[in-house]
Each structure stands twice: as structure tokens, then as C-alpha cells.
C-alpha atoms as a PDB file:
ATOM      1  CA  MET A   1      26.100  -6.808   2.786  1.00  0.00           C
ATOM      2  CA  LYS A   2      22.799  -6.048   1.326  1.00  0.00           C
ATOM      3  CA  SER A   3      21.322  -2.568   0.787  1.00  0.00           C
ATOM      4  CA  LEU A   4      18.340  -0.884   1.559  1.00  0.00           C
ATOM      5  CA  LYS A   5      14.854  -0.939  -0.842  1.00  0.00           C
ATOM      6  CA  ARG A   6      14.829   2.617  -1.033  1.00  0.00           C
ATOM      7  CA  VAL A   7      10.453   2.908  -0.764  1.00  0.00           C
ATOM      8  CA  VAL A   8       7.841   5.894  -0.501  1.00  0.00           C
ATOM      9  CA  LEU A   9       4.464   4.639   0.375  1.00  0.00           C
ATOM     10  CA  ASP A  10       1.094   6.271  -1.298  1.00  0.00           C
ATOM     11  CA  THR A  11      -1.689   5.370   1.357  1.00  0.00           C
ATOM     12  CA  ASP A  12      -5.497   6.188   1.689  1.00  0.00           C
ATOM     13  CA  THR A  13      -4.945   5.345   5.832  1.00  0.00           C
ATOM     14  CA  TYR A  14      -8.239   6.126   7.021  1.00  0.00           C
ATOM     15  CA  ASN A  15     -10.038   4.335   4.472  1.00  0.00           C
ATOM     16  CA  GLU A  16     -10.013   0.945   6.358  1.00  0.00           C
ATOM     17  CA  VAL A  17      -7.737  -0.379   9.066  1.00  0.00           C
ATOM     18  CA  ASP A  18      -5.186  -2.426   7.110  1.00  0.00           C
ATOM     19  CA  ASP A  19      -3.074   0.379   5.725  1.00  0.00           C
ATOM     20  CA  GLN A  20      -1.810   0.967   9.199  1.00  0.00           C
ATOM     21  CA  PHE A  21      -0.326  -2.519   9.784  1.00  0.00           C
ATOM     22  CA  ALA A  22       1.201  -1.704   5.953  1.00  0.00           C
ATOM     23  CA  LEU A  23       2.682   1.260   7.230  1.00  0.00           C
ATOM     24  CA  ALA A  24       3.880   0.041  10.560  1.00  0.00           C
ATOM     25  CA  HIS A  25       5.632  -2.998   9.147  1.00  0.00           C
ATOM     26  CA  LEU A  26       7.526  -0.937   6.600  1.00  0.00           C
ATOM     27  CA  LEU A  27       8.588   1.258   9.640  1.00  0.00           C
ATOM     28  CA  MET A  28       9.751  -1.652  11.819  1.00  0.00           C
ATOM     29  CA  ALA A  29      12.276  -3.059   9.003  1.00  0.00           C
ATOM     30  CA  PRO A  30      14.740  -0.653   8.849  1.00  0.00           C
ATOM     31  CA  GLU A  31      17.304  -3.529   8.221  1.00  0.00           C
ATOM     32  CA  ALA A  32      15.422  -4.158   4.703  1.00  0.00           C
ATOM     33  CA  VAL A  33      13.465  -0.796   4.276  1.00  0.00           C
ATOM     34  CA  SER A  34      14.453   2.682   3.665  1.00  0.00           C
ATOM     35  CA  LEU A  35      11.076   4.115   3.922  1.00  0.00           C
ATOM     36  CA  GLU A  36      11.667   7.584   2.735  1.00  0.00           C
ATOM     37  CA  ALA A  37       8.137   9.227   2.026  1.00  0.00           C
ATOM     38  CA  ALA A  38       4.324   8.672   2.517  1.00  0.00           C
ATOM     39  CA  TYR A  39       1.819  10.418   0.498  1.00  0.00           C
ATOM     40  CA  ALA A  40      -1.801  10.636   1.346  1.00  0.00           C
ATOM     41  CA  ALA A  41      -4.024   9.243  -1.052  1.00  0.00           C
ATOM     42  CA  PRO A  42      -8.108  10.125  -1.635  1.00  0.00           C
ATOM     43  CA  PHE A  43     -10.768   8.028  -0.984  1.00  0.00           C
ATOM     44  CA  PHE A  44     -14.560   8.530  -0.531  1.00  0.00           C
ATOM     45  CA  ASN A  45     -16.892   5.916   1.563  1.00  0.00           C
ATOM     46  CA  HIS A  46     -18.706   6.245   4.751  1.00  0.00           C
ATOM     47  CA  ARG A  47     -15.437   7.620   6.858  1.00  0.00           C
ATOM     48  CA  SER A  48     -14.743  10.503   4.765  1.00  0.00           C
ATOM     49  CA  SER A  49     -16.963  13.503   3.211  1.00  0.00           C
ATOM     50  CA  SER A  50     -15.451  13.582  -0.066  1.00  0.00           C
ATOM     51  CA  PRO A  51     -11.881  12.421  -1.371  1.00  0.00           C
ATOM     52  CA  ALA A  52     -10.167  15.201  -0.600  1.00  0.00           C
ATOM     53  CA  ASP A  53     -11.450  15.041   3.172  1.00  0.00           C
ATOM     54  CA  GLY A  54     -10.532  11.156   3.072  1.00  0.00           C
ATOM     55  CA  MET A  55      -6.876  12.374   1.546  1.00  0.00           C
ATOM     56  CA  GLU A  56      -6.892  14.314   4.525  1.00  0.00           C
ATOM     57  CA  ARG A  57      -8.171  12.329   7.239  1.00  0.00           C
ATOM     58  CA  SER A  58      -5.237   9.910   5.711  1.00  0.00           C
ATOM     59  CA  PHE A  59      -2.565  12.511   6.478  1.00  0.00           C
ATOM     60  CA  GLN A  60      -3.485  13.066  10.173  1.00  0.00           C
ATOM     61  CA  GLU A  61      -3.171   8.765  10.302  1.00  0.00           C
ATOM     62  CA  ILE A  62       0.196   8.493   8.913  1.00  0.00           C
ATOM     63  CA  HIS A  63       1.292  10.804  11.221  1.00  0.00           C
ATOM     64  CA  ARG A  64      -0.806   8.778  14.115  1.00  0.00           C
ATOM     65  CA  ILE A  65       0.763   6.005  13.244  1.00  0.00           C
ATOM     66  CA  ILE A  66       4.506   7.115  12.660  1.00  0.00           C
ATOM     67  CA  ASP A  67       4.122   8.350  16.315  1.00  0.00           C
ATOM     68  CA  LEU A  68       3.236   4.920  17.362  1.00  0.00           C
ATOM     69  CA  VAL A  69       6.210   3.262  16.369  1.00  0.00           C
ATOM     70  CA  ALA A  70       9.264   5.469  15.141  1.00  0.00           C
ATOM     71  CA  PRO A  71       8.779   9.141  15.731  1.00  0.00           C
ATOM     72  CA  GLU A  72      12.655   9.125  15.350  1.00  0.00           C
ATOM     73  CA  ARG A  73      12.860   7.955  12.011  1.00  0.00           C
ATOM     74  CA  GLN A  74      10.104  10.203  10.572  1.00  0.00           C
ATOM     75  CA  PRO A  75      10.078   9.933   6.720  1.00  0.00           C
ATOM     76  CA  ASP A  76       8.534  13.056   4.628  1.00  0.00           C
ATOM     77  CA  ILE A  77       4.966  13.056   5.004  1.00  0.00           C
ATOM     78  CA  PHE A  78       2.989  14.788   1.769  1.00  0.00           C
ATOM     79  CA  ARG A  79      -0.568  15.310   1.077  1.00  0.00           C
ATOM     80  CA  GLY A  80      -1.839  14.154  -2.282  1.00  0.00           C
ATOM     81  CA  SER A  81      -4.639  14.780  -4.718  1.00  0.00           C
ATOM     82  CA  THR A  82      -7.873  16.204  -3.109  1.00  0.00           C
ATOM     83  CA  ARG A  83      -9.919  14.662  -6.525  1.00  0.00           C
ATOM     84  CA  TYR A  84      -9.427  11.839  -9.104  1.00  0.00           C
ATOM     85  CA  LEU A  85      -8.135  11.954 -12.542  1.00  0.00           C
ATOM     86  CA  PRO A  86     -10.734  13.661 -14.846  1.00  0.00           C
ATOM     87  CA  THR A  87      -9.573  11.326 -17.990  1.00  0.00           C
ATOM     88  CA  VAL A  88      -6.752   9.010 -19.106  1.00  0.00           C
ATOM     89  CA  ASN A  89      -4.539  11.889 -20.136  1.00  0.00           C
ATOM     90  CA  THR A  90      -4.701  14.501 -17.143  1.00  0.00           C
ATOM     91  CA  PRO A  91      -2.796  14.332 -14.341  1.00  0.00           C
ATOM     92  CA  VAL A  92      -3.874  16.061 -10.762  1.00  0.00           C
ATOM     93  CA  GLU A  93      -1.108  18.213  -9.102  1.00  0.00           C
ATOM     94  CA  SER A  94      -0.416  17.493  -5.686  1.00  0.00           C
ATOM     95  CA  ASP A  95       2.804  17.887  -3.015  1.00  0.00           C
ATOM     96  CA  ALA A  96       2.848  13.690  -2.975  1.00  0.00           C
ATOM     97  CA  ALA A  97       2.956  13.545  -6.893  1.00  0.00           C
ATOM     98  CA  ARG A  98       5.539  16.130  -7.384  1.00  0.00           C
ATOM     99  CA  ASP A  99       7.939  14.891  -4.783  1.00  0.00           C
ATOM    100  CA  LEU A 100       7.648  11.557  -6.461  1.00  0.00           C
ATOM    101  CA  VAL A 101       8.298  12.769  -9.468  1.00  0.00           C
ATOM    102  CA  ALA A 102      11.379  14.698  -7.896  1.00  0.00           C
ATOM    103  CA  ARG A 103      12.320  11.926  -6.031  1.00  0.00           C
ATOM    104  CA  ALA A 104      12.722   9.540  -8.834  1.00  0.00           C
ATOM    105  CA  GLN A 105      14.248  12.194 -11.425  1.00  0.00           C
ATOM    106  CA  ALA A 106      17.018  12.270  -8.633  1.00  0.00           C
ATOM    107  CA  THR A 107      16.918   8.455  -8.538  1.00  0.00           C
ATOM    108  CA  ARG A 108      20.368   7.175  -9.482  1.00  0.00           C
ATOM    109  CA  ASP A 109      21.156   4.649 -12.682  1.00  0.00           C
ATOM    110  CA  GLY A 110      21.333   1.290 -11.345  1.00  0.00           C
ATOM    111  CA  GLU A 111      19.245   2.237  -8.629  1.00  0.00           C
ATOM    112  CA  MET A 112      15.218   1.713  -8.039  1.00  0.00           C
ATOM    113  CA  LEU A 113      12.981   3.539  -6.683  1.00  0.00           C
ATOM    114  CA  TYR A 114       9.871   1.453  -5.349  1.00  0.00           C
ATOM    115  CA  VAL A 115       6.589   3.356  -4.971  1.00  0.00           C
ATOM    116  CA  ILE A 116       4.254   1.159  -2.522  1.00  0.00           C
ATOM    117  CA  ALA A 117       0.443   2.011  -3.569  1.00  0.00           C
ATOM    118  CA  ILE A 118      -2.231   0.327  -1.341  1.00  0.00           C
ATOM    119  CA  ALA A 119      -5.233   2.985  -2.531  1.00  0.00           C
ATOM    120  CA  ALA A 120      -6.468   4.355  -5.678  1.00  0.00           C
ATOM    121  CA  ALA A 121      -3.467   5.254  -8.055  1.00  0.00           C
ATOM    122  CA  THR A 122      -4.181   8.763  -8.447  1.00  0.00           C
ATOM    123  CA  ASN A 123      -1.032  10.159  -7.169  1.00  0.00           C
ATOM    124  CA  VAL A 124       1.083   7.748  -8.619  1.00  0.00           C
ATOM    125  CA  ALA A 125      -0.494   8.149 -12.092  1.00  0.00           C
ATOM    126  CA  SER A 126      -0.402  11.288 -11.750  1.00  0.00           C
ATOM    127  CA  ALA A 127       3.551  11.575 -11.536  1.00  0.00           C
ATOM    128  CA  LEU A 128       3.477   9.429 -14.357  1.00  0.00           C
ATOM    129  CA  LEU A 129       1.908  11.730 -16.501  1.00  0.00           C
ATOM    130  CA  LEU A 130       3.436  14.991 -15.177  1.00  0.00           C
ATOM    131  CA  ALA A 131       7.262  13.050 -16.072  1.00  0.00           C
ATOM    132  CA  PRO A 132       6.208   9.953 -18.226  1.00  0.00           C
ATOM    133  CA  HIS A 133      10.304   9.051 -18.106  1.00  0.00           C
ATOM    134  CA  ILE A 134      10.340   8.236 -14.342  1.00  0.00           C
ATOM    135  CA  ALA A 135       8.968   5.026 -15.550  1.00  0.00           C
ATOM    136  CA  GLU A 136      12.829   4.411 -16.293  1.00  0.00           C
ATOM    137  CA  LYS A 137      13.478   5.139 -12.362  1.00  0.00           C
ATOM    138  CA  ILE A 138      10.916   3.404 -10.144  1.00  0.00           C
ATOM    139  CA  THR A 139       8.891   0.362  -9.673  1.00  0.00           C
ATOM    140  CA  VAL A 140       5.303   0.519  -8.904  1.00  0.00           C
ATOM    141  CA  VAL A 141       3.749  -2.117  -6.459  1.00  0.00           C
ATOM    142  CA  TRP A 142       0.138  -1.822  -6.763  1.00  0.00           C
ATOM    143  CA  LEU A 143      -2.567  -3.343  -4.290  1.00  0.00           C
ATOM    144  CA  GLY A 144      -5.293  -2.824  -6.735  1.00  0.00           C
ATOM    145  CA  GLY A 145      -8.299  -4.688  -8.591  1.00  0.00           C
ATOM    146  CA  HIS A 146      -8.532  -8.440  -8.653  1.00  0.00           C
ATOM    147  CA  GLY A 147      -6.910 -11.541 -10.222  1.00  0.00           C
ATOM    148  CA  PRO A 148      -6.427 -11.434 -13.793  1.00  0.00           C
ATOM    149  CA  ASP A 149      -8.792 -14.631 -14.118  1.00  0.00           C
ATOM    150  CA  TRP A 150     -11.587 -13.107 -11.533  1.00  0.00           C
ATOM    151  CA  PRO A 151     -15.153 -12.268 -13.338  1.00  0.00           C
ATOM    152  CA  HIS A 152     -14.907  -8.838 -12.590  1.00  0.00           C
ATOM    153  CA  THR A 153     -12.456  -6.092 -10.983  1.00  0.00           C
ATOM    154  CA  ARG A 154     -14.518  -3.822  -9.190  1.00  0.00           C
ATOM    155  CA  GLU A 155     -12.608  -3.463  -5.907  1.00  0.00           C
ATOM    156  CA  PHE A 156     -12.480  -0.350  -3.921  1.00  0.00           C
ATOM    157  CA  ASN A 157      -8.700   0.795  -4.734  1.00  0.00           C
ATOM    158  CA  LEU A 158      -9.100   0.239  -8.604  1.00  0.00           C
ATOM    159  CA  GLN A 159     -12.628   1.454  -8.928  1.00  0.00           C
ATOM    160  CA  GLN A 160     -12.545   4.835  -7.060  1.00  0.00           C
ATOM    161  CA  ASP A 161      -9.974   5.934 -10.029  1.00  0.00           C
ATOM    162  CA  PRO A 162     -10.114   3.555 -12.917  1.00  0.00           C
ATOM    163  CA  TYR A 163      -8.057   6.214 -15.200  1.00  0.00           C
ATOM    164  CA  ALA A 164      -5.752   6.187 -12.796  1.00  0.00           C
ATOM    165  CA  ALA A 165      -5.410   2.402 -12.654  1.00  0.00           C
ATOM    166  CA  ARG A 166      -5.435   2.354 -16.428  1.00  0.00           C
ATOM    167  CA  VAL A 167      -2.486   4.617 -16.196  1.00  0.00           C
ATOM    168  CA  LEU A 168      -0.406   2.199 -14.174  1.00  0.00           C
ATOM    169  CA  LEU A 169      -1.545  -0.964 -16.746  1.00  0.00           C
ATOM    170  CA  ASP A 170      -0.859   0.552 -19.733  1.00  0.00           C
ATOM    171  CA  SER A 171       1.973   2.364 -19.583  1.00  0.00           C
ATOM    172  CA  GLY A 172       5.657   1.084 -19.336  1.00  0.00           C
ATOM    173  CA  VAL A 173       6.311   1.207 -15.734  1.00  0.00           C
ATOM    174  CA  PRO A 174       7.510  -2.293 -14.069  1.00  0.00           C
ATOM    175  CA  LEU A 175       4.646  -3.165 -12.213  1.00  0.00           C
ATOM    176  CA  VAL A 176       3.796  -5.524  -9.253  1.00  0.00           C
ATOM    177  CA  LEU A 177       0.006  -6.233  -9.573  1.00  0.00           C
ATOM    178  CA  LEU A 178      -1.197  -7.400  -6.082  1.00  0.00           C
ATOM    179  CA  PRO A 179      -4.728  -8.789  -6.724  1.00  0.00           C
ATOM    180  CA  CYS A 180      -7.251  -8.384  -3.722  1.00  0.00           C
ATOM    181  CA  HIS A 181      -9.462 -11.356  -4.578  1.00  0.00           C
ATOM    182  CA  PRO A 182      -8.145 -14.699  -4.605  1.00  0.00           C
ATOM    183  CA  VAL A 183      -4.413 -13.945  -2.938  1.00  0.00           C
ATOM    184  CA  ALA A 184      -4.375 -10.352  -0.537  1.00  0.00           C
ATOM    185  CA  SER A 185      -8.106 -11.828   0.616  1.00  0.00           C
ATOM    186  CA  HIS A 186      -6.296 -14.445   2.482  1.00  0.00           C
ATOM    187  CA  LEU A 187      -4.635 -12.567   4.613  1.00  0.00           C
ATOM    188  CA  ILE A 188      -7.095 -12.821   7.901  1.00  0.00           C
ATOM    189  CA  THR A 189      -6.488 -12.022  11.418  1.00  0.00           C
ATOM    190  CA  THR A 190      -9.567 -12.012  14.164  1.00  0.00           C
ATOM    191  CA  VAL A 191      -9.712  -9.697  17.220  1.00  0.00           C
ATOM    192  CA  ALA A 192      -8.361 -12.763  19.521  1.00  0.00           C
ATOM    193  CA  GLU A 193      -5.477 -13.344  17.751  1.00  0.00           C
ATOM    194  CA  LEU A 194      -4.327  -9.711  18.320  1.00  0.00           C
ATOM    195  CA  GLU A 195      -5.220  -9.215  21.564  1.00  0.00           C
ATOM    196  CA  CYS A 196      -3.166 -12.421  22.190  1.00  0.00           C
ATOM    197  CA  HIS A 197      -0.502 -11.493  19.962  1.00  0.00           C
ATOM    198  CA  LEU A 198      -0.334  -7.821  19.525  1.00  0.00           C
ATOM    199  CA  ALA A 199      -1.964  -6.015  21.900  1.00  0.00           C
ATOM    200  CA  PRO A 200      -0.348  -6.459  25.274  1.00  0.00           C
ATOM    201  CA  PHE A 201       2.876  -5.244  24.216  1.00  0.00           C
ATOM    202  CA  SER A 202       2.981  -1.628  23.077  1.00  0.00           C
ATOM    203  CA  PRO A 203       0.689   1.103  22.032  1.00  0.00           C
ATOM    204  CA  LEU A 204       0.708   0.159  18.623  1.00  0.00           C
ATOM    205  CA  GLY A 205      -0.081  -2.907  19.274  1.00  0.00           C
ATOM    206  CA  GLN A 206      -2.975  -2.070  21.246  1.00  0.00           C
ATOM    207  CA  TYR A 207      -4.164   1.047  18.650  1.00  0.00           C
ATOM    208  CA  LEU A 208      -4.066  -1.443  16.028  1.00  0.00           C
ATOM    209  CA  THR A 209      -6.098  -3.858  17.881  1.00  0.00           C
ATOM    210  CA  ASP A 210      -8.558  -1.229  18.958  1.00  0.00           C
ATOM    211  CA  ILE A 211      -9.302  -0.041  15.274  1.00  0.00           C
ATOM    212  CA  VAL A 212      -9.786  -3.837  14.211  1.00  0.00           C
ATOM    213  CA  ARG A 213     -12.276  -4.640  16.806  1.00  0.00           C
ATOM    214  CA  GLU A 214     -14.213  -1.024  16.415  1.00  0.00           C
ATOM    215  CA  TYR A 215     -14.338  -1.504  12.667  1.00  0.00           C
ATOM    216  CA  GLU A 216     -17.211  -4.211  12.450  1.00  0.00           C
ATOM    217  CA  GLY A 217     -17.957  -4.430  16.226  1.00  0.00           C
ATOM    218  CA  ASN A 218     -16.324  -7.257  16.769  1.00  0.00           C
ATOM    219  CA  PRO A 219     -19.294 -10.067  16.009  1.00  0.00           C
ATOM    220  CA  PRO A 220     -18.942 -13.434  17.226  1.00  0.00           C
ATOM    221  CA  ALA A 221     -16.983 -15.812  14.213  1.00  0.00           C
ATOM    222  CA  TRP A 222     -16.179 -12.540  12.762  1.00  0.00           C
ATOM    223  CA  SER A 223     -12.629 -11.782  10.957  1.00  0.00           C
ATOM    224  CA  LYS A 224     -10.875  -8.937   9.042  1.00  0.00           C
ATOM    225  CA  ILE A 225      -8.857  -9.423   6.034  1.00  0.00           C
ATOM    226  CA  ILE A 226      -5.741  -7.127   6.556  1.00  0.00           C
ATOM    227  CA  TRP A 227      -5.471  -6.710   2.316  1.00  0.00           C
ATOM    228  CA  ASP A 228      -2.674  -4.125   2.640  1.00  0.00           C
ATOM    229  CA  ILE A 229       0.201  -5.672   4.421  1.00  0.00           C
ATOM    230  CA  ILE A 230       0.546  -8.056   1.150  1.00  0.00           C
ATOM    231  CA  ALA A 231       2.462  -5.040   0.107  1.00  0.00           C
ATOM    232  CA  SER A 232       4.780  -4.243   2.785  1.00  0.00           C
ATOM    233  CA  ALA A 233       5.509  -8.274   3.321  1.00  0.00           C
ATOM    234  CA  TRP A 234       6.699  -8.217  -0.547  1.00  0.00           C
ATOM    235  CA  ILE A 235       9.289  -5.366  -0.234  1.00  0.00           C
ATOM    236  CA  ILE A 236      10.610  -6.986   2.825  1.00  0.00           C
ATOM    237  CA  ASN A 237      10.489 -10.469   2.298  1.00  0.00           C
ATOM    238  CA  PRO A 238       9.160 -11.516  -1.892  1.00  0.00           C
ATOM    239  CA  GLU A 239       9.547 -15.122  -0.423  1.00  0.00           C
ATOM    240  CA  TRP A 240       6.295 -14.398   1.174  1.00  0.00           C
ATOM    241  CA  VAL A 241       4.458 -13.882  -2.238  1.00  0.00           C
ATOM    242  CA  THR A 242       4.709 -15.785  -5.033  1.00  0.00           C
ATOM    243  CA  ILE A 243       4.657 -13.960  -8.118  1.00  0.00           C
ATOM    244  CA  GLU A 244       4.325 -14.800 -11.637  1.00  0.00           C
ATOM    245  CA  ARG A 245       4.926 -12.646 -15.107  1.00  0.00           C
ATOM    246  CA  ARG A 246       1.696 -12.230 -17.290  1.00  0.00           C
ATOM    247  CA  PRO A 247       0.646 -10.036 -19.607  1.00  0.00           C
ATOM    248  CA  ALA A 248      -1.021  -6.909 -18.304  1.00  0.00           C
ATOM    249  CA  PRO A 249      -4.520  -7.524 -18.164  1.00  0.00           C
ATOM    250  CA  ILE A 250      -6.694  -4.612 -19.951  1.00  0.00           C
ATOM    251  CA  LEU A 251      -9.338  -2.554 -18.078  1.00  0.00           C
ATOM    252  CA  LYS A 252     -12.492  -3.032 -19.232  1.00  0.00           C
ATOM    253  CA  LYS A 253     -15.362   0.312 -18.978  1.00  0.00           C
ATOM    254  CA  ASN A 254     -17.540  -2.369 -17.264  1.00  0.00           C
ATOM    255  CA  LEU A 255     -14.487  -2.982 -15.325  1.00  0.00           C
ATOM    256  CA  THR A 256     -13.777  -6.260 -15.890  1.00  0.00           C
ATOM    257  CA  TRP A 257     -10.528  -7.474 -17.260  1.00  0.00           C
ATOM    258  CA  GLU A 258      -9.689  -8.431 -20.627  1.00  0.00           C
ATOM    259  CA  ASN A 259      -6.587 -10.833 -21.253  1.00  0.00           C
ATOM    260  CA  SER A 260      -4.470 -10.474 -24.558  1.00  0.00           C
ATOM    261  CA  PRO A 261      -0.918 -12.261 -24.953  1.00  0.00           C
ATOM    262  CA  GLN A 262       0.116  -9.225 -26.733  1.00  0.00           C
ATOM    263  CA  ARG A 263       0.605  -7.389 -23.894  1.00  0.00           C
ATOM    264  CA  ARG A 264       3.367  -6.352 -22.278  1.00  0.00           C
ATOM    265  CA  LEU A 265       4.378  -8.750 -19.402  1.00  0.00           C
ATOM    266  CA  VAL A 266       4.163  -7.666 -15.201  1.00  0.00           C
ATOM    267  CA  ARG A 267       4.424  -9.349 -12.183  1.00  0.00           C
ATOM    268  CA  ILE A 268       0.880 -11.038 -10.568  1.00  0.00           C
ATOM    269  CA  ALA A 269       0.782 -12.309  -7.378  1.00  0.00           C
ATOM    270  CA  ARG A 270      -0.840 -15.665  -7.036  1.00  0.00           C
ATOM    271  CA  GLU A 271      -0.360 -16.974  -3.753  1.00  0.00           C
ATOM    272  CA  VAL A 272       0.436 -16.027   0.007  1.00  0.00           C
ATOM    273  CA  ASN A 273       1.993 -17.242   2.999  1.00  0.00           C
ATOM    274  CA  ARG A 274      -0.180 -15.941   5.702  1.00  0.00           C
ATOM    275  CA  ASP A 275       1.546 -17.434   8.687  1.00  0.00           C
ATOM    276  CA  ALA A 276       5.025 -16.152   7.577  1.00  0.00           C
ATOM    277  CA  ILE A 277       3.579 -12.704   6.800  1.00  0.00           C
ATOM    278  CA  PHE A 278       1.458 -12.387  10.542  1.00  0.00           C
ATOM    279  CA  GLY A 279       4.437 -14.097  12.516  1.00  0.00           C
ATOM    280  CA  ASP A 280       6.920 -11.543  11.041  1.00  0.00           C
ATOM    281  CA  PHE A 281       4.420  -8.787  11.792  1.00  0.00           C
ATOM    282  CA  PHE A 282       3.836  -9.803  15.538  1.00  0.00           C
ATOM    283  CA  ALA A 283       7.462 -10.528  16.240  1.00  0.00           C
ATOM    284  CA  ARG A 284       8.505  -7.140  14.684  1.00  0.00           C
ATOM    285  CA  ALA A 285       6.056  -5.260  16.844  1.00  0.00           C
ATOM    286  CA  ARG A 286       7.089  -6.903  19.979  1.00  0.00           C
ATOM    287  CA  LEU A 287      11.185  -6.024  18.886  1.00  0.00           C
ATOM    288  CA  GLN A 288       9.987  -2.624  18.218  1.00  0.00           C
ATOM    289  CA  ALA A 289       8.136  -2.040  21.578  1.00  0.00           C
ATOM    290  CA  ARG A 290      11.514  -2.571  23.450  1.00  0.00           C
ATOM    291  CA  HIS A 291      13.593  -0.887  21.621  1.00  0.00           C
ATOM    292  CA  ARG A 292      10.994   2.106  22.387  1.00  0.00           C
ATOM    293  CA  ASP A 293      11.206   1.008  26.158  1.00  0.00           C
ATOM    294  CA  THR A 294      14.919   1.386  25.763  1.00  0.00           C
ATOM    295  CA  LEU A 295      15.003   4.995  23.858  1.00  0.00           C
ATOM    296  CA  LEU A 296      12.502   5.887  26.928  1.00  0.00           C
ATOM    297  CA  VAL A 297      14.935   4.935  29.649  1.00  0.00           C
END
């Protein structure tokens, strides 16, 4: 029997509209994933008044999505950092960072805890700084930055906390790097597609469709990249994401990459199967809706 992958999710869920898809995807795959905990990550943009406010809004959004998908399988939920790392060597303590340390330390030899990070890496980097030995117990799967051959890496998750990004890249923790451009950028959907294949079948489908529609006002010929679903897709079925082993890129101060063959090898995505990923998500959403209807009878 195939064993479940033990997973924790670190997410700035209210930052955009794509984290919600990734969280729901993980919750809808109980045959493949045991989602043990969700951590609210900080973010600061037009949807928050500060990193702390972004974290709190994300904390509330995590609860909203879980209630729509599977309230009977609710993972532990923790508030994360209220600020970014002040230096590359200085952790920011939080309930999320402390839980990750404890959960990793409790992982038995021969097991692996997957840390799916789809936000600024503050919580995860802080845990690694607080307890560097947990790098032997976890694999970090991070959506952050652009591809190592992209001309720059000024991407939201990375540039919110460059110090945290350097911790992931420069430490010895096993790392699966999921670049935004030119990889996750292929995960495009439209309101019309969601209205056809998702919205009619459940409150979750309607909610996800509504937040995508409202995000940019749905102008004609508009599409939306659901960046973060690459992370849930890789953990559910790695065949949907083509991975290669490459030296970890060096993050320079001007947020460009330097590639050196002397660096340790990490796994970096270079291609996604967009249709398989969305097809799986839509099918699971319909199945989950039927399951919820059965529970309510």
C-alpha cells in the first residue's frame, strides 16, 4: 500500500487567489497526502496594511477554505511571523516556526516531512535557523523566484523576504524549487473555465470562481495564473511537474541569480502539465462535493 506523504503548508493565503486552490487541492487528496498543519505567512501589498495584517488575514482565509472543503479533516492551524527576517542569521519566532521545529524533531528516522511553502519563506527559514538539525528531517518545496536562467528573480514571494530565500538556498535542507517564470506561469485558467467546470458543483467551487472573477474585475479575454497549484500538484503526483537536478542558484543583492557549478544540487522544476493538473483539481472538487452531500444526508 502506498504510504501517505506527511505535509505541512506555509501560505500567505489572502495575498492573491491561488493559495486557496493549493490548500483545497491538498485537502481533496487524502489518499496521497496527510496535511498535518497549515501556517499563515506574512505578506504586504494592497490587500494588507502590514506583514502582520497580511499574516492575520491569511490565518482567517485558511479557516475559510478548510470549512468549505473538509471541516471534518481540519489540520492544525498556526499564526506565523508578523515581520520578515531582519538578517540572514536572525530568526523570527512564531507559533508556526515553533510547530515546524517540533513536528520535524518528532519525525522518525526513515520518514520525511514535506514543507510546502507558497509564500515568503520567513516561517520556514526561521525554523531552520532556530533548529538547523531539522534539515535532516524535512524537504522544502518552495514556490519562489524565477527560473535560474531568467534575467532577474524579482518575484513576490522571494522579494518580500530575500534573507529567508537565502536561508533555503544556502542551507543544506533538501529543496524542490518551483520557479514562477517560466514554469508555474503556464498554470492559466479563465473565469469561463471555472464557471463551467468548478462553480456549479459546490460552495467551494463557487467561492473560488468568485474570488478569481473579482480579483481583476474579469475584463474581456482575461486569464489568471494559479501559481501555487504547482506545489500541491507536485506533492500529489510528481509526474505532472518535470524536475531536473541543478546547482542551487546564488541570490545576489540586486535580486538576480548567479549560477555556479560548485553549489549543492537541488531539484528545480522546468515544465508543468497544465491540463492534467487542472483536470485533477476539477475532478476532485466534484467528488468532494458529492462526499459532502453524503455527509449532510
